[in-house]
Every structure is written in C-alpha cells, then in structure tokens.
Amino acid sequence: MNGFNRFLLVLIGLLGLVSVGLLVLGVYDVPRLSPLLEQWQDQQWYSYTVLSIGGFLAFVFVILLFTGLLSRSKGQRLLIRTGDGNITISKETIERTALESIRGINGVRTPSVHADIHSKKETVALTVDCSVFGQEGLPTIGKDIQERAKHAVESLLELPVTSTKVKISDTKTKTSERVV
C-alpha cells in the first residue's frame, strides 16, 4: 500500500473516531445542546441506538486506523505503460538481472546491486557495490561493471538506465571470504 493510501486511511480513521466520540457525547448530559436533542435523549431507544451505532462505527474506524498504520508496502515496482496495457516489473528482478551480469567479471567479490526506480518517468538508476581482489586497473573493471549492468537491465526493460554508479571497496579492510 503506498504512502498516500496509508495517510488517507489514518486520516479517515482519526476523523471517524472523533465523530464517534462526539456522537457518544450526545448520549450524556452536555450543556448547550438543542432542546430537541434533549427531548430525544429522554427516550430509551435513543441511548441504545446511539451507543450501538457508535460502538460499531468505532470498531470499523479502529480497523481502518490500524490498517493504515500497520500495512506494509509490497515493494517498489516499475510500471511500464504500453498501448495494450501495463507491464509491472519488480525491483528484485531488475537488481537480480544486473547482479547476474557482473558475476562473471574476474576478481569481483561480494557484488550487490540497488535499483532506484522512477515509474512516472519510466527510468532506472543502478548502484553497484563490490570488492575487487587481486586485480589492477580498477577504472577499467569499474567501467566493465557499468557497461554490463547497464546493458543487461536495458535489454530486460527496453528502457534507458539513467545512471550506473559503481562503488569499489578494498578487500583488505573487509572480513575474509571463503571461495568454494
């Protein structure tokens, strides 16, 4: 559920609870109420009706409030609009495609990919974090990583990748890895 829907549910829940509170206050003796309302309050049916409606509405609004506060987003997705309809591609699919494209590069260890998706603009930006072990020419390796990841994602999506950032860290400062 996106942020706007969650905000809307929370707002409706809070407004509903305030409304129910005001409705229930009408059952009790509150000064400055209209004489007609005071006459209705003397009726036995009025109190039971208002309390049961108020209890039901409070239950519904509490459910809406907790739904808005506790619901989780399904994850970011890229929505591509075509003439025939919409195509939705998950962020995980994009990241996995870029990751698979750079796994075969010599000396690259522990690569991870983060995709930044802009569905309205239909663009993707990639950030690749990795360690390089026992290699020289880091700018060349970085450029190779950029090209492979960008080409793989553009082939998958048939959309341009706006930027591909590569962050190469030193393996000497990291914990040792076991290569199988």
Protein backbone atom coordinates (compact mmCIF):
# COMPACT_ATOMS: atom_id res chain seq x y z
CA MET A 1 0.00 0.00 0.00
CA ASN A 2 1.50 3.33 -1.00
CA GLY A 3 2.05 6.25 1.34
CA PHE A 4 -0.94 8.29 0.14
CA ASN A 5 -3.40 5.42 0.75
CA ARG A 6 -1.95 4.82 4.19
CA PHE A 7 -2.20 8.55 5.04
CA LEU A 8 -5.81 8.60 3.78
CA LEU A 9 -6.75 5.59 5.90
CA VAL A 10 -5.15 7.10 9.00
CA LEU A 11 -6.95 10.41 8.40
CA ILE A 12 -10.31 8.68 7.90
CA GLY A 13 -9.71 6.57 11.00
CA LEU A 14 -8.90 9.56 13.17
CA LEU A 15 -11.83 11.61 11.85
CA GLY A 16 -14.14 8.66 12.36
CA LEU A 17 -13.03 8.17 15.94
CA VAL A 18 -13.53 11.87 16.69
CA SER A 19 -17.01 11.73 15.09
CA VAL A 20 -17.96 8.66 17.11
CA GLY A 21 -16.70 10.37 20.26
CA LEU A 22 -18.90 13.40 19.55
CA LEU A 23 -21.86 11.13 18.80
CA VAL A 24 -21.43 9.24 22.06
CA LEU A 25 -21.12 12.52 23.98
CA GLY A 26 -24.65 13.30 22.79
CA VAL A 27 -25.90 10.45 24.97
CA TYR A 28 -24.66 12.11 28.12
CA ASP A 29 -25.78 15.41 29.63
CA VAL A 30 -23.76 18.02 27.76
CA PRO A 31 -24.68 21.70 28.26
CA ARG A 32 -25.89 23.87 25.37
CA LEU A 33 -27.50 21.12 23.31
CA SER A 34 -30.65 21.90 21.40
CA PRO A 35 -33.94 21.26 23.23
CA LEU A 36 -34.97 18.76 20.55
CA LEU A 37 -31.87 16.67 21.17
CA GLU A 38 -32.55 16.83 24.91
CA GLN A 39 -36.09 15.56 24.33
CA TRP A 40 -34.76 12.65 22.27
CA GLN A 41 -32.27 11.85 24.97
CA ASP A 42 -35.13 11.13 27.33
CA GLN A 43 -36.28 8.32 25.05
CA GLN A 44 -34.97 4.87 25.91
CA TRP A 45 -34.43 3.88 22.26
CA TYR A 46 -32.17 6.87 21.62
CA SER A 47 -29.45 5.83 24.06
CA TYR A 48 -29.33 2.22 22.91
CA THR A 49 -29.38 3.18 19.24
CA VAL A 50 -26.64 5.75 19.52
CA LEU A 51 -24.44 3.50 21.66
CA SER A 52 -24.78 0.53 19.30
CA ILE A 53 -24.14 2.61 16.18
CA GLY A 54 -21.25 4.35 17.91
CA GLY A 55 -19.73 1.04 19.02
CA PHE A 56 -19.99 -0.41 15.52
CA LEU A 57 -18.51 2.69 13.88
CA ALA A 58 -15.71 2.83 16.44
CA PHE A 59 -14.86 -0.80 15.64
CA VAL A 60 -14.79 -0.07 11.89
CA PHE A 61 -12.67 3.06 12.32
CA VAL A 62 -10.19 1.32 14.63
CA ILE A 63 -9.74 -1.36 11.94
CA LEU A 64 -9.16 1.37 9.32
CA LEU A 65 -6.71 3.18 11.60
CA PHE A 66 -4.63 0.07 12.27
CA THR A 67 -4.74 -0.93 8.60
CA GLY A 68 -3.30 2.44 7.64
CA LEU A 69 -0.64 2.39 10.36
CA LEU A 70 0.50 -1.23 10.14
CA SER A 71 0.20 -2.15 6.46
CA ARG A 72 3.42 -2.76 4.56
CA SER A 73 4.28 -1.82 1.03
CA LYS A 74 4.56 -4.70 -1.44
CA GLY A 75 7.87 -3.37 -2.67
CA GLN A 76 8.82 -0.98 -5.37
CA ARG A 77 7.88 -1.91 -8.91
CA LEU A 78 8.43 -0.40 -12.32
CA LEU A 79 5.20 0.23 -14.19
CA ILE A 80 5.57 0.43 -17.96
CA ARG A 81 2.54 1.66 -19.89
CA THR A 82 2.04 0.21 -23.35
CA GLY A 83 -0.69 0.53 -25.94
CA ASP A 84 -2.15 -2.82 -24.85
CA GLY A 85 -1.98 -2.26 -21.09
CA ASN A 86 0.51 -2.10 -18.24
CA ILE A 87 3.60 -4.18 -17.52
CA THR A 88 4.85 -4.38 -13.92
CA ILE A 89 8.42 -5.46 -13.17
CA SER A 90 9.63 -5.88 -9.61
CA LYS A 91 12.69 -4.14 -8.23
CA GLU A 92 14.13 -7.51 -7.23
CA THR A 93 14.00 -8.72 -10.86
CA ILE A 94 15.90 -5.66 -12.06
CA GLU A 95 18.52 -5.99 -9.33
CA ARG A 96 18.96 -9.73 -9.90
CA THR A 97 19.44 -9.19 -13.66
CA ALA A 98 22.17 -6.59 -13.07
CA LEU A 99 23.80 -8.79 -10.44
CA GLU A 100 23.91 -11.83 -12.73
CA SER A 101 25.52 -9.76 -15.49
CA ILE A 102 28.52 -8.78 -13.33
CA ARG A 103 29.12 -12.10 -11.54
CA GLY A 104 31.48 -13.37 -14.24
CA ILE A 105 33.96 -10.50 -14.02
CA ASN A 106 37.35 -11.68 -12.78
CA GLY A 107 38.28 -10.62 -9.23
CA VAL A 108 34.91 -9.10 -8.30
CA ARG A 109 33.75 -10.29 -4.88
CA THR A 110 30.50 -9.78 -2.96
CA PRO A 111 28.66 -7.66 -5.52
CA SER A 112 25.35 -6.10 -4.55
CA VAL A 113 23.03 -4.02 -6.70
CA HIS A 114 20.49 -1.39 -5.70
CA ALA A 115 18.00 -0.12 -8.28
CA ASP A 116 16.34 3.28 -7.92
CA ILE A 117 13.06 3.15 -9.85
CA HIS A 118 11.05 6.12 -11.14
CA SER A 119 7.81 4.68 -12.51
CA LYS A 120 6.38 8.01 -13.68
CA LYS A 121 9.47 8.80 -15.76
CA GLU A 122 9.95 5.11 -16.64
CA THR A 123 13.65 5.25 -15.77
CA VAL A 124 16.01 3.22 -13.61
CA ALA A 125 19.29 4.17 -11.89
CA LEU A 126 21.67 1.48 -10.64
CA THR A 127 24.20 1.46 -7.81
CA VAL A 128 26.68 -1.43 -7.64
CA ASP A 129 28.75 -2.13 -4.50
CA CYS A 130 31.54 -4.67 -4.77
CA SER A 131 35.03 -5.66 -3.66
CA VAL A 132 37.84 -6.36 -6.08
CA PHE A 133 40.52 -8.86 -5.16
CA GLY A 134 43.95 -9.18 -6.77
CA GLN A 135 43.27 -7.04 -9.82
CA GLU A 136 44.87 -3.99 -11.37
CA GLY A 137 43.21 -1.32 -13.45
CA LEU A 138 40.23 -0.60 -11.20
CA PRO A 139 38.77 2.10 -13.51
CA THR A 140 38.69 -0.44 -16.35
CA ILE A 141 36.98 -3.03 -14.13
CA GLY A 142 34.53 -0.38 -12.91
CA LYS A 143 33.70 0.63 -16.49
CA ASP A 144 33.18 -3.03 -17.40
CA ILE A 145 30.81 -3.44 -14.44
CA GLN A 146 28.89 -0.31 -15.51
CA GLU A 147 28.56 -1.43 -19.11
CA ARG A 148 27.49 -5.00 -18.31
CA ALA A 149 24.91 -3.99 -15.69
CA LYS A 150 23.51 -1.19 -17.84
CA HIS A 151 23.30 -3.36 -20.96
CA ALA A 152 21.62 -6.26 -19.10
CA VAL A 153 18.96 -4.03 -17.49
CA GLU A 154 18.29 -2.05 -20.67
CA SER A 155 17.88 -5.33 -22.58
CA LEU A 156 15.46 -6.58 -19.95
CA LEU A 157 13.34 -3.44 -19.66
CA GLU A 158 13.76 -1.89 -23.12
CA LEU A 159 14.09 1.41 -21.24
CA PRO A 160 17.16 3.58 -20.66
CA VAL A 161 19.20 3.28 -17.47
CA THR A 162 19.85 6.90 -16.47
CA SER A 163 22.96 6.26 -14.40
CA THR A 164 25.10 3.39 -13.17
CA LYS A 165 27.26 4.11 -10.12
CA VAL A 166 29.94 1.64 -9.10
CA LYS A 167 31.47 1.66 -5.62
CA ILE A 168 34.58 -0.49 -5.31
CA SER A 169 35.90 -1.19 -1.84
CA ASP A 170 39.17 -2.67 -0.62
CA THR A 171 39.08 -6.33 0.29
CA LYS A 172 41.85 -5.93 2.86
CA THR A 173 39.55 -3.96 5.18
CA LYS A 174 36.71 -6.47 4.87
CA THR A 175 36.44 -9.83 6.55
CA SER A 176 37.96 -12.75 4.73
CA GLU A 177 35.76 -14.66 2.32
CA ARG A 178 35.71 -18.32 1.64
CA VAL A 179 35.82 -19.14 -2.05
CA VAL A 180 34.36 -22.51 -2.88
